[in-house]
């Protein structure tokens, strides 16, 4: 893994967090307890702090840049981009989705795969947004997808117990 300081600020990764060895974590980045950062993720905190709260996960090939907060138990799916935005607790940003500057994804909300949450959009709690630009499609109280973070906490532990590099 690449964990690199930027202008004197070094990432802070909790000892129980899992950061894949192919991930790149730069600058003002905090990865809290049991959070996970998967293969080829980039967390680049050179223009604002990035915080992954407890149990959050950022999946393969995703990018977080500038001031981002990924809430407790939240999921940022494969190849998603979160740029200067906030993702609430137990929310999910689907595969290939983009969340732009100033946007806020409410707690337990779902951003459908491939959607674009535009600048400064405020996604209410427990709704599904989809499209380009994203629009609220329906309420999703108690969606099983809000438990994805719990799955990734356990999956990270399994990887820690069984992973080894073979050159």
N, C-alpha and C. Protein backbone atom coordinates (compact mmCIF):
# COMPACT_ATOMS: atom_id res chain seq x y z
N UNK A 1 0.85 -1.18 0.00
CA UNK A 1 0.00 0.00 0.00
C UNK A 1 0.88 1.22 0.00
N UNK A 2 0.35 2.28 -0.53
CA UNK A 2 1.06 3.55 -0.51
C UNK A 2 0.35 4.44 0.49
N UNK A 3 1.01 4.71 1.61
CA UNK A 3 0.51 5.67 2.58
C UNK A 3 1.57 6.75 2.64
N UNK A 4 1.18 7.95 2.18
CA UNK A 4 2.17 9.00 1.97
C UNK A 4 1.70 10.31 2.58
N UNK A 5 2.61 11.01 3.23
CA UNK A 5 2.28 12.33 3.76
C UNK A 5 2.26 13.34 2.61
N UNK A 6 1.60 14.46 2.89
CA UNK A 6 1.57 15.56 1.93
C UNK A 6 1.68 16.85 2.73
N UNK A 7 2.70 17.64 2.41
CA UNK A 7 2.95 18.92 3.08
C UNK A 7 2.88 18.78 4.60
N UNK A 8 3.49 17.71 5.11
CA UNK A 8 3.61 17.51 6.55
C UNK A 8 2.43 16.83 7.22
N UNK A 9 1.40 16.47 6.46
CA UNK A 9 0.25 15.78 7.04
C UNK A 9 0.27 14.32 6.59
N UNK A 10 0.26 13.44 7.58
CA UNK A 10 0.34 12.01 7.32
C UNK A 10 -1.00 11.35 7.60
N UNK A 11 -1.44 10.42 6.76
CA UNK A 11 -2.70 9.72 7.02
C UNK A 11 -2.69 9.03 8.40
N UNK A 12 -3.86 8.95 9.00
CA UNK A 12 -4.05 8.30 10.29
C UNK A 12 -4.96 7.10 10.07
N UNK A 13 -4.38 5.90 10.13
CA UNK A 13 -5.12 4.67 9.87
C UNK A 13 -5.19 3.88 11.18
N UNK A 14 -6.40 3.64 11.65
CA UNK A 14 -6.60 2.88 12.89
C UNK A 14 -6.07 1.46 12.72
N UNK A 15 -5.54 0.91 13.80
CA UNK A 15 -4.93 -0.42 13.73
C UNK A 15 -5.91 -1.52 13.33
N UNK A 16 -7.22 -1.32 13.57
CA UNK A 16 -8.19 -2.35 13.19
C UNK A 16 -8.76 -2.14 11.79
N UNK A 17 -8.35 -1.06 11.12
CA UNK A 17 -8.81 -0.81 9.75
C UNK A 17 -8.02 -1.70 8.79
N UNK A 18 -8.61 -1.96 7.64
CA UNK A 18 -7.91 -2.74 6.62
C UNK A 18 -7.72 -1.86 5.39
N UNK A 19 -6.47 -1.66 5.00
CA UNK A 19 -6.14 -0.93 3.79
C UNK A 19 -5.39 -1.89 2.89
N UNK A 20 -5.95 -2.20 1.74
CA UNK A 20 -5.33 -3.13 0.81
C UNK A 20 -3.98 -2.60 0.36
N UNK A 21 -3.06 -3.52 0.10
CA UNK A 21 -1.71 -3.10 -0.26
C UNK A 21 -1.63 -2.40 -1.61
N UNK A 22 -2.67 -2.47 -2.43
CA UNK A 22 -2.65 -1.75 -3.70
C UNK A 22 -3.33 -0.38 -3.62
N UNK A 23 -3.86 -0.04 -2.44
CA UNK A 23 -4.52 1.26 -2.26
C UNK A 23 -3.48 2.37 -2.12
N UNK A 24 -3.93 3.61 -2.43
CA UNK A 24 -3.10 4.79 -2.29
C UNK A 24 -3.82 5.76 -1.35
N UNK A 25 -3.16 6.09 -0.25
CA UNK A 25 -3.73 6.96 0.78
C UNK A 25 -2.73 8.09 1.02
N UNK A 26 -3.16 9.32 0.71
CA UNK A 26 -2.22 10.45 0.71
C UNK A 26 -2.77 11.61 1.54
N UNK A 27 -1.92 12.14 2.42
CA UNK A 27 -2.21 13.41 3.09
C UNK A 27 -3.19 13.33 4.23
N UNK A 28 -4.12 14.27 4.25
CA UNK A 28 -5.06 14.46 5.36
C UNK A 28 -6.20 13.46 5.25
N UNK A 29 -5.91 12.22 5.63
CA UNK A 29 -6.87 11.13 5.53
C UNK A 29 -6.92 10.43 6.89
N UNK A 30 -8.14 10.18 7.37
CA UNK A 30 -8.35 9.41 8.59
C UNK A 30 -9.19 8.19 8.24
N UNK A 31 -8.70 7.02 8.62
CA UNK A 31 -9.43 5.77 8.42
C UNK A 31 -9.68 5.21 9.81
N UNK A 32 -10.95 5.26 10.26
CA UNK A 32 -11.28 4.87 11.61
C UNK A 32 -11.39 3.35 11.78
N UNK A 33 -11.68 2.93 12.99
CA UNK A 33 -11.74 1.52 13.37
C UNK A 33 -12.65 0.73 12.43
N UNK A 34 -12.17 -0.43 12.05
CA UNK A 34 -12.90 -1.41 11.24
C UNK A 34 -13.37 -0.90 9.88
N UNK A 35 -12.86 0.25 9.46
CA UNK A 35 -13.13 0.71 8.10
C UNK A 35 -12.25 -0.10 7.16
N UNK A 36 -12.65 -0.16 5.89
CA UNK A 36 -11.85 -0.92 4.93
C UNK A 36 -11.71 -0.16 3.62
N UNK A 37 -10.49 -0.28 3.07
CA UNK A 37 -10.11 0.37 1.82
C UNK A 37 -9.61 -0.75 0.92
N UNK A 38 -10.29 -0.99 -0.18
CA UNK A 38 -10.10 -2.18 -1.00
C UNK A 38 -9.14 -1.94 -2.16
N UNK A 39 -8.86 -2.95 -2.99
CA UNK A 39 -7.83 -2.84 -4.02
C UNK A 39 -8.00 -1.63 -4.95
N UNK A 40 -6.87 -0.97 -5.18
CA UNK A 40 -6.75 0.13 -6.14
C UNK A 40 -7.57 1.37 -5.81
N UNK A 41 -7.98 1.51 -4.56
CA UNK A 41 -8.68 2.72 -4.12
C UNK A 41 -7.68 3.85 -3.99
N UNK A 42 -8.12 5.07 -4.30
CA UNK A 42 -7.32 6.27 -4.05
C UNK A 42 -8.08 7.17 -3.09
N UNK A 43 -7.43 7.50 -1.97
CA UNK A 43 -7.94 8.48 -1.01
C UNK A 43 -6.90 9.60 -1.00
N UNK A 44 -7.19 10.70 -1.68
CA UNK A 44 -6.19 11.76 -1.85
C UNK A 44 -6.61 13.00 -1.09
N UNK A 45 -6.05 13.14 0.12
CA UNK A 45 -6.37 14.27 0.98
C UNK A 45 -5.36 15.38 0.87
N UNK A 46 -5.22 15.93 -0.32
CA UNK A 46 -4.27 17.03 -0.53
C UNK A 46 -4.97 18.38 -0.66
N UNK A 47 -6.29 18.38 -0.75
CA UNK A 47 -7.05 19.64 -0.88
C UNK A 47 -8.23 19.66 0.07
N UNK A 48 -8.10 18.97 1.19
CA UNK A 48 -9.16 18.87 2.18
C UNK A 48 -9.14 17.49 2.81
N UNK A 49 -9.64 17.41 4.04
CA UNK A 49 -9.60 16.16 4.80
C UNK A 49 -10.57 15.14 4.24
N UNK A 50 -10.13 13.89 4.29
CA UNK A 50 -10.99 12.75 3.97
C UNK A 50 -11.10 11.92 5.23
N UNK A 51 -12.33 11.59 5.63
CA UNK A 51 -12.55 10.79 6.82
C UNK A 51 -13.45 9.61 6.48
N UNK A 52 -12.94 8.40 6.75
CA UNK A 52 -13.75 7.19 6.67
C UNK A 52 -14.11 6.84 8.10
N UNK A 53 -15.37 6.96 8.44
CA UNK A 53 -15.83 6.69 9.80
C UNK A 53 -15.82 5.19 10.08
N UNK A 54 -16.03 4.85 11.33
CA UNK A 54 -15.96 3.47 11.78
C UNK A 54 -16.83 2.55 10.92
N UNK A 55 -16.22 1.48 10.44
CA UNK A 55 -16.93 0.46 9.67
C UNK A 55 -17.29 0.86 8.25
N UNK A 56 -16.86 2.04 7.79
CA UNK A 56 -17.13 2.43 6.40
C UNK A 56 -16.24 1.61 5.48
N UNK A 57 -16.64 1.49 4.22
CA UNK A 57 -15.81 0.78 3.25
C UNK A 57 -15.83 1.50 1.91
N UNK A 58 -14.65 1.53 1.29
CA UNK A 58 -14.49 2.10 -0.04
C UNK A 58 -13.94 0.98 -0.90
N UNK A 59 -14.71 0.61 -1.92
CA UNK A 59 -14.42 -0.60 -2.68
C UNK A 59 -13.54 -0.35 -3.90
N UNK A 60 -13.13 -1.44 -4.50
CA UNK A 60 -12.15 -1.49 -5.59
C UNK A 60 -12.30 -0.36 -6.61
N UNK A 61 -11.17 0.32 -6.86
CA UNK A 61 -11.04 1.35 -7.89
C UNK A 61 -11.81 2.64 -7.63
N UNK A 62 -12.37 2.80 -6.44
CA UNK A 62 -13.09 4.04 -6.12
C UNK A 62 -12.08 5.14 -5.78
N UNK A 63 -12.56 6.39 -5.88
CA UNK A 63 -11.73 7.55 -5.59
C UNK A 63 -12.49 8.49 -4.67
N UNK A 64 -11.81 8.94 -3.61
CA UNK A 64 -12.31 10.03 -2.77
C UNK A 64 -11.25 11.12 -2.80
N UNK A 65 -11.70 12.36 -3.07
CA UNK A 65 -10.75 13.47 -3.17
C UNK A 65 -11.35 14.70 -2.53
N UNK A 66 -10.47 15.55 -2.04
CA UNK A 66 -10.79 16.79 -1.36
C UNK A 66 -11.57 16.49 -0.08
N UNK A 67 -12.37 17.39 0.41
CA UNK A 67 -13.04 17.22 1.69
C UNK A 67 -14.19 16.24 1.59
N UNK A 68 -13.96 15.02 2.04
CA UNK A 68 -14.99 13.98 1.99
C UNK A 68 -15.16 13.36 3.37
N UNK A 69 -16.39 13.03 3.69
CA UNK A 69 -16.65 12.22 4.88
C UNK A 69 -17.55 11.08 4.47
N UNK A 70 -17.11 9.86 4.79
CA UNK A 70 -17.88 8.66 4.53
C UNK A 70 -18.34 8.18 5.90
N UNK A 71 -19.65 8.21 6.14
CA UNK A 71 -20.20 7.97 7.46
C UNK A 71 -20.03 6.56 7.97
N UNK A 72 -20.33 6.35 9.24
CA UNK A 72 -20.17 5.02 9.85
C UNK A 72 -20.99 3.97 9.10
N UNK A 73 -20.32 2.88 8.77
CA UNK A 73 -21.00 1.77 8.10
C UNK A 73 -21.42 2.05 6.67
N UNK A 74 -21.00 3.17 6.10
CA UNK A 74 -21.38 3.51 4.72
C UNK A 74 -20.50 2.76 3.73
N UNK A 75 -21.01 2.64 2.50
CA UNK A 75 -20.33 1.93 1.43
C UNK A 75 -20.17 2.84 0.22
N UNK A 76 -18.95 2.89 -0.31
CA UNK A 76 -18.69 3.53 -1.59
C UNK A 76 -18.31 2.39 -2.53
N UNK A 77 -19.18 2.12 -3.51
CA UNK A 77 -19.04 0.95 -4.37
C UNK A 77 -17.92 1.05 -5.39
N UNK A 78 -17.68 -0.06 -6.06
CA UNK A 78 -16.62 -0.20 -7.05
C UNK A 78 -16.67 0.94 -8.08
N UNK A 79 -15.54 1.53 -8.34
CA UNK A 79 -15.30 2.61 -9.32
C UNK A 79 -16.10 3.89 -9.07
N UNK A 80 -16.71 4.03 -7.91
CA UNK A 80 -17.44 5.26 -7.59
C UNK A 80 -16.46 6.38 -7.31
N UNK A 81 -16.95 7.62 -7.43
CA UNK A 81 -16.17 8.81 -7.11
C UNK A 81 -16.96 9.64 -6.12
N UNK A 82 -16.31 10.02 -5.03
CA UNK A 82 -16.89 10.97 -4.08
C UNK A 82 -15.91 12.13 -4.01
N UNK A 83 -16.38 13.31 -4.43
CA UNK A 83 -15.49 14.47 -4.54
C UNK A 83 -16.05 15.60 -3.69
N UNK A 84 -15.35 15.92 -2.60
CA UNK A 84 -15.72 17.05 -1.73
C UNK A 84 -17.18 16.96 -1.30
N UNK A 85 -17.59 15.78 -0.84
CA UNK A 85 -18.98 15.53 -0.49
C UNK A 85 -19.07 14.66 0.77
N UNK A 86 -20.28 14.51 1.28
CA UNK A 86 -20.53 13.73 2.49
C UNK A 86 -21.50 12.60 2.18
N UNK A 87 -21.16 11.42 2.68
CA UNK A 87 -22.02 10.25 2.56
C UNK A 87 -22.41 9.86 3.99
N UNK A 88 -23.70 9.87 4.28
CA UNK A 88 -24.18 9.61 5.63
C UNK A 88 -24.01 8.17 6.08
N UNK A 89 -24.19 7.96 7.36
CA UNK A 89 -24.06 6.64 7.95
C UNK A 89 -24.95 5.61 7.29
N UNK A 90 -24.38 4.44 7.02
CA UNK A 90 -25.06 3.29 6.43
C UNK A 90 -25.68 3.57 5.07
N UNK A 91 -25.23 4.65 4.43
CA UNK A 91 -25.67 4.93 3.06
C UNK A 91 -24.81 4.12 2.10
N UNK A 92 -25.26 4.02 0.86
CA UNK A 92 -24.50 3.30 -0.16
C UNK A 92 -24.44 4.13 -1.43
N UNK A 93 -23.21 4.32 -1.93
CA UNK A 93 -22.99 4.92 -3.24
C UNK A 93 -22.69 3.75 -4.17
N UNK A 94 -23.58 3.51 -5.12
CA UNK A 94 -23.48 2.33 -5.98
C UNK A 94 -22.30 2.37 -6.93
N UNK A 95 -22.07 1.23 -7.55
CA UNK A 95 -20.94 1.07 -8.47
C UNK A 95 -20.98 2.10 -9.59
N UNK A 96 -19.85 2.75 -9.80
CA UNK A 96 -19.72 3.70 -10.90
C UNK A 96 -20.47 5.00 -10.70
N UNK A 97 -21.03 5.22 -9.53
CA UNK A 97 -21.76 6.47 -9.27
C UNK A 97 -20.76 7.58 -8.94
N UNK A 98 -21.22 8.83 -9.09
CA UNK A 98 -20.41 10.00 -8.77
C UNK A 98 -21.20 10.91 -7.85
N UNK A 99 -20.55 11.35 -6.77
CA UNK A 99 -21.14 12.30 -5.83
C UNK A 99 -20.24 13.53 -5.84
N UNK A 100 -20.80 14.66 -6.28
CA UNK A 100 -20.00 15.86 -6.55
C UNK A 100 -19.96 16.85 -5.38
N UNK A 101 -19.13 17.85 -5.54
CA UNK A 101 -18.81 18.85 -4.52
C UNK A 101 -20.04 19.39 -3.80
N UNK A 102 -19.95 19.38 -2.47
CA UNK A 102 -20.99 19.97 -1.65
C UNK A 102 -22.22 19.12 -1.48
N UNK A 103 -22.29 17.99 -2.14
CA UNK A 103 -23.47 17.13 -2.01
C UNK A 103 -23.45 16.41 -0.67
N UNK A 104 -24.62 16.05 -0.21
CA UNK A 104 -24.76 15.28 1.03
C UNK A 104 -25.75 14.15 0.76
N UNK A 105 -25.28 12.92 0.92
CA UNK A 105 -26.15 11.74 0.79
C UNK A 105 -26.61 11.39 2.20
N UNK A 106 -27.93 11.44 2.42
CA UNK A 106 -28.48 11.22 3.75
C UNK A 106 -28.26 9.81 4.28
N UNK A 107 -28.37 9.68 5.60
CA UNK A 107 -28.20 8.38 6.24
C UNK A 107 -29.15 7.35 5.64
N UNK A 108 -28.59 6.16 5.42
CA UNK A 108 -29.33 5.00 4.91
C UNK A 108 -29.94 5.22 3.54
N UNK A 109 -29.42 6.18 2.79
CA UNK A 109 -29.89 6.39 1.41
C UNK A 109 -29.04 5.58 0.45
N UNK A 110 -29.57 5.34 -0.73
CA UNK A 110 -28.90 4.56 -1.76
C UNK A 110 -28.77 5.41 -3.02
N UNK A 111 -27.56 5.47 -3.55
CA UNK A 111 -27.31 6.12 -4.83
C UNK A 111 -27.14 4.99 -5.84
N UNK A 112 -28.04 4.90 -6.80
CA UNK A 112 -28.02 3.80 -7.77
C UNK A 112 -26.74 3.81 -8.59
N UNK A 113 -26.34 2.62 -9.02
CA UNK A 113 -25.14 2.46 -9.83
C UNK A 113 -25.19 3.40 -11.04
N UNK A 114 -24.07 4.05 -11.33
CA UNK A 114 -23.95 4.90 -12.50
C UNK A 114 -24.60 6.27 -12.38
N UNK A 115 -25.20 6.57 -11.25
CA UNK A 115 -25.89 7.86 -11.07
C UNK A 115 -24.91 8.97 -10.78
N UNK A 116 -25.36 10.22 -10.99
CA UNK A 116 -24.56 11.39 -10.67
C UNK A 116 -25.35 12.28 -9.72
N UNK A 117 -24.84 12.37 -8.49
CA UNK A 117 -25.41 13.30 -7.50
C UNK A 117 -24.70 14.62 -7.73
N UNK A 118 -25.46 15.63 -8.18
CA UNK A 118 -24.87 16.89 -8.61
C UNK A 118 -24.42 17.75 -7.43
N UNK A 119 -23.64 18.78 -7.74
CA UNK A 119 -23.10 19.68 -6.73
C UNK A 119 -24.20 20.22 -5.83
N UNK A 120 -23.92 20.20 -4.53
CA UNK A 120 -24.77 20.78 -3.49
C UNK A 120 -26.13 20.09 -3.33
N UNK A 121 -26.35 18.95 -3.97
CA UNK A 121 -27.61 18.23 -3.80
C UNK A 121 -27.67 17.67 -2.38
N UNK A 122 -28.83 17.78 -1.78
CA UNK A 122 -29.05 17.23 -0.45
C UNK A 122 -30.02 16.06 -0.59
N UNK A 123 -29.48 14.85 -0.52
CA UNK A 123 -30.28 13.64 -0.64
C UNK A 123 -30.87 13.34 0.74
N UNK A 124 -32.20 13.27 0.86
CA UNK A 124 -32.80 13.00 2.17
C UNK A 124 -32.42 11.61 2.69
N UNK A 125 -32.64 11.36 3.97
CA UNK A 125 -32.36 10.04 4.53
C UNK A 125 -33.29 8.97 3.94
N UNK A 126 -32.77 7.76 3.84
CA UNK A 126 -33.55 6.55 3.50
C UNK A 126 -34.35 6.67 2.20
N UNK A 127 -33.68 7.17 1.15
CA UNK A 127 -34.31 7.22 -0.17
C UNK A 127 -33.36 6.61 -1.20
N UNK A 128 -33.92 6.22 -2.33
CA UNK A 128 -33.15 5.78 -3.48
C UNK A 128 -33.11 6.93 -4.47
N UNK A 129 -31.89 7.34 -4.87
CA UNK A 129 -31.74 8.31 -5.94
C UNK A 129 -31.09 7.60 -7.12
N UNK A 130 -31.51 8.00 -8.31
CA UNK A 130 -30.98 7.37 -9.52
C UNK A 130 -31.05 8.36 -10.66
N UNK A 131 -30.14 8.13 -11.63
CA UNK A 131 -30.16 8.92 -12.85
C UNK A 131 -29.03 9.91 -12.93
N UNK A 132 -28.99 10.61 -14.08
CA UNK A 132 -27.99 11.63 -14.34
C UNK A 132 -28.70 12.84 -14.90
N UNK A 133 -28.97 13.85 -14.09
CA UNK A 133 -28.63 13.95 -12.67
C UNK A 133 -29.55 13.07 -11.82
N UNK A 134 -29.06 12.73 -10.63
CA UNK A 134 -29.84 11.87 -9.73
C UNK A 134 -31.08 12.58 -9.24
N UNK A 135 -32.16 11.80 -9.15
CA UNK A 135 -33.43 12.29 -8.60
C UNK A 135 -33.94 11.25 -7.63
N UNK A 136 -34.72 11.70 -6.65
CA UNK A 136 -35.30 10.77 -5.69
C UNK A 136 -36.36 9.94 -6.41
N UNK A 137 -36.26 8.62 -6.29
CA UNK A 137 -37.22 7.73 -6.92
C UNK A 137 -38.21 7.13 -5.94
N UNK A 138 -37.75 6.81 -4.73
CA UNK A 138 -38.67 6.25 -3.73
C UNK A 138 -38.00 6.22 -2.38
N UNK A 139 -38.82 6.08 -1.35
CA UNK A 139 -38.30 5.88 -0.01
C UNK A 139 -37.88 4.42 0.14
N UNK A 140 -36.82 4.19 0.90
CA UNK A 140 -36.31 2.83 1.11
C UNK A 140 -35.99 2.61 2.60
N UNK A 141 -37.01 2.71 3.44
CA UNK A 141 -36.73 2.50 4.86
C UNK A 141 -36.31 1.05 5.11
N UNK A 142 -35.31 0.87 5.96
CA UNK A 142 -34.83 -0.46 6.34
C UNK A 142 -34.35 -1.31 5.16
N UNK A 143 -33.74 -0.68 4.17
CA UNK A 143 -33.20 -1.43 3.03
C UNK A 143 -32.10 -2.37 3.50
N UNK A 144 -32.09 -3.59 2.99
CA UNK A 144 -31.00 -4.50 3.35
C UNK A 144 -29.63 -3.98 2.91
N UNK A 145 -29.59 -3.09 1.92
CA UNK A 145 -28.31 -2.54 1.45
C UNK A 145 -27.64 -1.69 2.51
N UNK A 146 -28.40 -1.18 3.48
CA UNK A 146 -27.79 -0.36 4.53
C UNK A 146 -26.95 -1.20 5.48
N UNK A 147 -26.99 -2.52 5.32
CA UNK A 147 -26.18 -3.42 6.15
C UNK A 147 -24.92 -3.88 5.43
N UNK A 148 -24.65 -3.35 4.25
CA UNK A 148 -23.46 -3.76 3.49
C UNK A 148 -22.19 -3.47 4.27
N UNK A 149 -22.16 -2.39 5.00
CA UNK A 149 -20.98 -2.05 5.78
C UNK A 149 -20.62 -3.13 6.78
N UNK A 150 -21.63 -3.72 7.41
CA UNK A 150 -21.39 -4.80 8.37
C UNK A 150 -20.76 -6.00 7.66
N UNK A 151 -21.24 -6.29 6.46
CA UNK A 151 -20.67 -7.39 5.68
C UNK A 151 -19.19 -7.13 5.40
N UNK A 152 -18.86 -5.88 5.04
CA UNK A 152 -17.48 -5.57 4.68
C UNK A 152 -16.55 -5.55 5.90
N UNK A 153 -17.06 -5.25 7.09
CA UNK A 153 -16.24 -5.37 8.29
C UNK A 153 -15.81 -6.83 8.45
N UNK A 154 -16.77 -7.74 8.29
CA UNK A 154 -16.46 -9.17 8.42
C UNK A 154 -15.57 -9.67 7.28
N UNK A 155 -15.84 -9.21 6.06
CA UNK A 155 -15.04 -9.63 4.92
C UNK A 155 -13.59 -9.17 5.08
N UNK A 156 -13.40 -7.97 5.57
CA UNK A 156 -12.03 -7.47 5.79
C UNK A 156 -11.29 -8.37 6.79
N UNK A 157 -11.98 -8.80 7.83
CA UNK A 157 -11.35 -9.69 8.82
C UNK A 157 -10.97 -11.02 8.17
N UNK A 158 -11.84 -11.53 7.30
CA UNK A 158 -11.52 -12.78 6.59
C UNK A 158 -10.29 -12.60 5.70
N UNK A 159 -10.22 -11.46 5.01
CA UNK A 159 -9.05 -11.19 4.17
C UNK A 159 -7.78 -11.10 5.01
N UNK A 160 -7.87 -10.43 6.15
CA UNK A 160 -6.70 -10.31 7.02
C UNK A 160 -6.20 -11.68 7.49
N UNK A 161 -7.13 -12.60 7.73
CA UNK A 161 -6.74 -13.93 8.21
C UNK A 161 -6.17 -14.80 7.11
N UNK A 162 -6.56 -14.57 5.86
CA UNK A 162 -6.22 -15.54 4.83
C UNK A 162 -5.39 -15.01 3.66
N UNK A 163 -5.22 -13.72 3.56
CA UNK A 163 -4.52 -13.17 2.39
C UNK A 163 -3.02 -13.29 2.51
N UNK A 164 -2.41 -13.63 1.40
CA UNK A 164 -0.96 -13.58 1.29
C UNK A 164 -0.62 -13.29 -0.17
N UNK A 165 0.42 -12.52 -0.36
CA UNK A 165 0.86 -12.21 -1.72
C UNK A 165 1.73 -13.34 -2.24
N UNK A 166 1.49 -13.71 -3.46
CA UNK A 166 2.30 -14.74 -4.12
C UNK A 166 2.90 -14.07 -5.35
N UNK A 167 4.20 -13.92 -5.33
CA UNK A 167 4.88 -13.24 -6.44
C UNK A 167 5.13 -14.16 -7.59
